[in-house]
Amino acid sequence: MEPVQKLIGMNIKLTRISRSVAQGELASKLSIEQSYLSRIEKGSVPVSCERLYEIIHILKCDVTDIFPTPLEVETKFNQSDKE
């Protein structure tokens, strides 16, 4: 299981690519550096809820395209179920 930050980043990248949007184009529309968007997509920096909704709006996708399902994310709740 992946941390939620990495899954969200990966989902942003996959959605961006599936919609044929270049990383530089999305970064420009978000008014951020392309290198910062790259770090978001790698899951190495956190992304705010506001920024996530901007990305969803720009990519014209559904929230479920970006947010992982609870089964994909290991949380303290998943871990306690295993004990």
N, C-alpha and C. Protein backbone atom coordinates (compact mmCIF):
# COMPACT_ATOMS: atom_id res chain seq x y z
N MET A 1 0.83 -1.18 0.00
CA MET A 1 0.00 0.00 0.00
C MET A 1 0.88 1.24 0.00
N GLU A 2 0.44 2.23 -0.73
CA GLU A 2 1.19 3.47 -0.87
C GLU A 2 0.62 4.55 0.06
N PRO A 3 1.47 5.47 0.50
CA PRO A 3 0.95 6.63 1.23
C PRO A 3 0.03 7.44 0.31
N VAL A 4 -0.97 8.07 0.89
CA VAL A 4 -1.97 8.79 0.12
C VAL A 4 -1.35 9.89 -0.75
N GLN A 5 -0.33 10.57 -0.25
CA GLN A 5 0.32 11.64 -1.02
C GLN A 5 0.90 11.12 -2.33
N LYS A 6 1.53 9.96 -2.29
CA LYS A 6 2.10 9.37 -3.50
C LYS A 6 1.01 8.92 -4.47
N LEU A 7 -0.07 8.34 -3.94
CA LEU A 7 -1.17 7.90 -4.80
C LEU A 7 -1.85 9.08 -5.48
N ILE A 8 -2.06 10.16 -4.75
CA ILE A 8 -2.68 11.34 -5.35
C ILE A 8 -1.78 11.89 -6.44
N GLY A 9 -0.49 11.99 -6.18
CA GLY A 9 0.45 12.48 -7.18
C GLY A 9 0.45 11.62 -8.43
N MET A 10 0.48 10.31 -8.24
CA MET A 10 0.46 9.39 -9.37
C MET A 10 -0.84 9.53 -10.17
N ASN A 11 -1.96 9.69 -9.46
CA ASN A 11 -3.25 9.84 -10.13
C ASN A 11 -3.33 11.16 -10.90
N ILE A 12 -2.74 12.21 -10.37
CA ILE A 12 -2.69 13.48 -11.10
C ILE A 12 -1.93 13.28 -12.40
N LYS A 13 -0.78 12.64 -12.32
CA LYS A 13 0.05 12.41 -13.51
C LYS A 13 -0.69 11.55 -14.54
N LEU A 14 -1.28 10.45 -14.08
CA LEU A 14 -1.99 9.56 -15.00
C LEU A 14 -3.17 10.27 -15.67
N THR A 15 -3.90 11.06 -14.90
CA THR A 15 -5.03 11.79 -15.46
C THR A 15 -4.55 12.86 -16.44
N ARG A 16 -3.50 13.56 -16.07
CA ARG A 16 -2.94 14.59 -16.95
C ARG A 16 -2.51 13.99 -18.28
N ILE A 17 -1.81 12.87 -18.22
CA ILE A 17 -1.32 12.20 -19.44
C ILE A 17 -2.50 11.69 -20.27
N SER A 18 -3.49 11.10 -19.61
CA SER A 18 -4.64 10.55 -20.35
C SER A 18 -5.44 11.64 -21.05
N ARG A 19 -5.31 12.86 -20.58
CA ARG A 19 -6.01 13.98 -21.21
C ARG A 19 -5.09 14.79 -22.13
N SER A 20 -3.91 14.25 -22.39
CA SER A 20 -2.93 14.86 -23.29
C SER A 20 -2.58 16.29 -22.89
N VAL A 21 -2.39 16.51 -21.60
CA VAL A 21 -1.98 17.81 -21.08
C VAL A 21 -0.52 17.70 -20.67
N ALA A 22 0.31 18.55 -21.23
CA ALA A 22 1.73 18.54 -20.89
C ALA A 22 1.92 19.07 -19.47
N GLN A 23 2.95 18.57 -18.81
CA GLN A 23 3.24 19.00 -17.45
C GLN A 23 3.44 20.52 -17.38
N GLY A 24 4.16 21.07 -18.35
CA GLY A 24 4.39 22.51 -18.39
C GLY A 24 3.11 23.30 -18.56
N GLU A 25 2.19 22.77 -19.37
CA GLU A 25 0.91 23.43 -19.59
C GLU A 25 0.08 23.48 -18.31
N LEU A 26 0.02 22.35 -17.60
CA LEU A 26 -0.74 22.32 -16.35
C LEU A 26 -0.09 23.23 -15.32
N ALA A 27 1.21 23.20 -15.22
CA ALA A 27 1.92 24.06 -14.27
C ALA A 27 1.63 25.52 -14.57
N SER A 28 1.65 25.88 -15.83
CA SER A 28 1.38 27.27 -16.23
C SER A 28 -0.04 27.69 -15.83
N LYS A 29 -1.01 26.82 -16.07
CA LYS A 29 -2.40 27.13 -15.70
C LYS A 29 -2.58 27.24 -14.19
N LEU A 30 -1.73 26.53 -13.44
CA LEU A 30 -1.78 26.59 -11.98
C LEU A 30 -0.93 27.73 -11.42
N SER A 31 -0.18 28.40 -12.30
CA SER A 31 0.76 29.46 -11.90
C SER A 31 1.81 28.96 -10.92
N ILE A 32 2.34 27.76 -11.22
CA ILE A 32 3.42 27.20 -10.42
C ILE A 32 4.54 26.76 -11.36
N GLU A 33 5.71 26.54 -10.81
CA GLU A 33 6.84 26.05 -11.60
C GLU A 33 6.58 24.59 -12.01
N GLN A 34 7.07 24.22 -13.17
CA GLN A 34 6.94 22.85 -13.64
C GLN A 34 7.64 21.89 -12.68
N SER A 35 8.75 22.31 -12.13
CA SER A 35 9.48 21.44 -11.19
C SER A 35 8.66 21.16 -9.93
N TYR A 36 7.87 22.15 -9.51
CA TYR A 36 7.01 21.95 -8.34
C TYR A 36 5.89 20.95 -8.66
N LEU A 37 5.30 21.08 -9.85
CA LEU A 37 4.28 20.12 -10.27
C LEU A 37 4.88 18.71 -10.35
N SER A 38 6.10 18.62 -10.83
CA SER A 38 6.78 17.33 -10.89
C SER A 38 6.90 16.71 -9.50
N ARG A 39 7.24 17.52 -8.52
CA ARG A 39 7.35 17.01 -7.14
C ARG A 39 5.98 16.61 -6.59
N ILE A 40 4.93 17.34 -6.96
CA ILE A 40 3.57 16.95 -6.55
C ILE A 40 3.24 15.58 -7.14
N GLU A 41 3.52 15.40 -8.44
CA GLU A 41 3.20 14.14 -9.11
C GLU A 41 4.02 12.97 -8.56
N LYS A 42 5.21 13.24 -8.05
CA LYS A 42 6.03 12.19 -7.44
C LYS A 42 5.61 11.91 -6.01
N GLY A 43 4.77 12.78 -5.44
CA GLY A 43 4.34 12.61 -4.06
C GLY A 43 5.36 13.06 -3.05
N SER A 44 6.34 13.85 -3.49
CA SER A 44 7.39 14.28 -2.56
C SER A 44 7.05 15.58 -1.84
N VAL A 45 5.99 16.29 -2.27
CA VAL A 45 5.51 17.47 -1.56
C VAL A 45 4.00 17.35 -1.38
N PRO A 46 3.49 17.84 -0.27
CA PRO A 46 2.04 17.80 -0.08
C PRO A 46 1.35 18.83 -0.97
N VAL A 47 0.10 18.59 -1.28
CA VAL A 47 -0.67 19.51 -2.11
C VAL A 47 -1.95 19.85 -1.36
N SER A 48 -2.30 21.14 -1.36
CA SER A 48 -3.47 21.59 -0.61
C SER A 48 -4.76 21.14 -1.29
N CYS A 49 -5.83 21.13 -0.52
CA CYS A 49 -7.15 20.79 -1.07
C CYS A 49 -7.54 21.77 -2.16
N GLU A 50 -7.26 23.04 -1.94
CA GLU A 50 -7.60 24.06 -2.94
C GLU A 50 -6.88 23.78 -4.25
N ARG A 51 -5.60 23.46 -4.17
CA ARG A 51 -4.81 23.17 -5.37
C ARG A 51 -5.34 21.92 -6.06
N LEU A 52 -5.72 20.91 -5.28
CA LEU A 52 -6.28 19.68 -5.87
C LEU A 52 -7.55 19.98 -6.66
N TYR A 53 -8.39 20.82 -6.12
CA TYR A 53 -9.61 21.14 -6.84
C TYR A 53 -9.34 22.00 -8.07
N GLU A 54 -8.30 22.82 -8.04
CA GLU A 54 -7.89 23.55 -9.24
C GLU A 54 -7.45 22.55 -10.32
N ILE A 55 -6.68 21.56 -9.92
CA ILE A 55 -6.19 20.54 -10.86
C ILE A 55 -7.37 19.77 -11.45
N ILE A 56 -8.31 19.38 -10.60
CA ILE A 56 -9.49 18.65 -11.07
C ILE A 56 -10.27 19.49 -12.07
N HIS A 57 -10.41 20.77 -11.79
CA HIS A 57 -11.13 21.67 -12.69
C HIS A 57 -10.40 21.82 -14.03
N ILE A 58 -9.10 22.05 -13.97
CA ILE A 58 -8.31 22.24 -15.20
C ILE A 58 -8.31 20.98 -16.05
N LEU A 59 -8.15 19.83 -15.41
CA LEU A 59 -8.11 18.56 -16.16
C LEU A 59 -9.50 18.06 -16.53
N LYS A 60 -10.52 18.74 -16.04
CA LYS A 60 -11.90 18.34 -16.32
C LYS A 60 -12.13 16.87 -16.00
N CYS A 61 -11.73 16.51 -14.79
CA CYS A 61 -11.88 15.12 -14.37
C CYS A 61 -12.74 15.07 -13.12
N ASP A 62 -13.00 13.88 -12.67
CA ASP A 62 -13.80 13.67 -11.48
C ASP A 62 -12.89 13.54 -10.27
N VAL A 63 -13.41 13.87 -9.13
CA VAL A 63 -12.65 13.74 -7.88
C VAL A 63 -12.11 12.32 -7.72
N THR A 64 -12.90 11.35 -8.14
CA THR A 64 -12.50 9.95 -7.99
C THR A 64 -11.32 9.58 -8.90
N ASP A 65 -11.03 10.41 -9.91
CA ASP A 65 -9.85 10.17 -10.74
C ASP A 65 -8.56 10.50 -9.99
N ILE A 66 -8.66 11.39 -9.01
CA ILE A 66 -7.47 11.87 -8.29
C ILE A 66 -7.32 11.21 -6.93
N PHE A 67 -8.42 11.11 -6.19
CA PHE A 67 -8.34 10.56 -4.83
C PHE A 67 -8.38 9.05 -4.85
N PRO A 68 -7.45 8.40 -4.16
CA PRO A 68 -7.45 6.94 -4.11
C PRO A 68 -8.61 6.42 -3.25
N THR A 69 -8.97 5.19 -3.50
CA THR A 69 -10.01 4.57 -2.67
C THR A 69 -9.42 4.23 -1.31
N PRO A 70 -10.26 4.11 -0.30
CA PRO A 70 -9.75 3.77 1.03
C PRO A 70 -8.95 2.46 1.06
N LEU A 71 -9.28 1.52 0.19
CA LEU A 71 -8.56 0.25 0.16
C LEU A 71 -7.12 0.41 -0.36
N GLU A 72 -6.87 1.48 -1.12
CA GLU A 72 -5.54 1.71 -1.67
C GLU A 72 -4.61 2.40 -0.68
N VAL A 73 -5.16 2.91 0.39
CA VAL A 73 -4.39 3.72 1.33
C VAL A 73 -4.26 3.00 2.66
N GLU A 74 -3.05 2.87 3.12
CA GLU A 74 -2.85 2.28 4.43
C GLU A 74 -2.91 3.38 5.47
N THR A 75 -3.86 3.25 6.38
CA THR A 75 -4.03 4.22 7.46
C THR A 75 -3.96 3.48 8.78
N LYS A 76 -3.99 4.26 9.84
CA LYS A 76 -3.99 3.62 11.16
C LYS A 76 -5.23 2.75 11.34
N PHE A 77 -6.31 3.06 10.63
CA PHE A 77 -7.53 2.26 10.73
C PHE A 77 -7.35 0.91 10.05
N ASN A 78 -6.69 0.90 8.86
CA ASN A 78 -6.42 -0.36 8.17
C ASN A 78 -5.50 -1.23 9.03
N GLN A 79 -4.52 -0.62 9.63
CA GLN A 79 -3.53 -1.36 10.42
C GLN A 79 -4.18 -1.99 11.64
N SER A 80 -5.12 -1.28 12.28
CA SER A 80 -5.77 -1.82 13.47
C SER A 80 -6.69 -2.99 13.10
N ASP A 81 -7.20 -3.02 11.86
CA ASP A 81 -8.02 -4.15 11.41
C ASP A 81 -7.20 -5.43 11.30
N LYS A 82 -5.90 -5.29 11.06
CA LYS A 82 -5.02 -6.45 10.88
C LYS A 82 -4.59 -7.06 12.21
N GLU A 83 -4.75 -6.30 13.27
CA GLU A 83 -4.27 -6.77 14.58
C GLU A 83 -5.26 -7.68 15.25
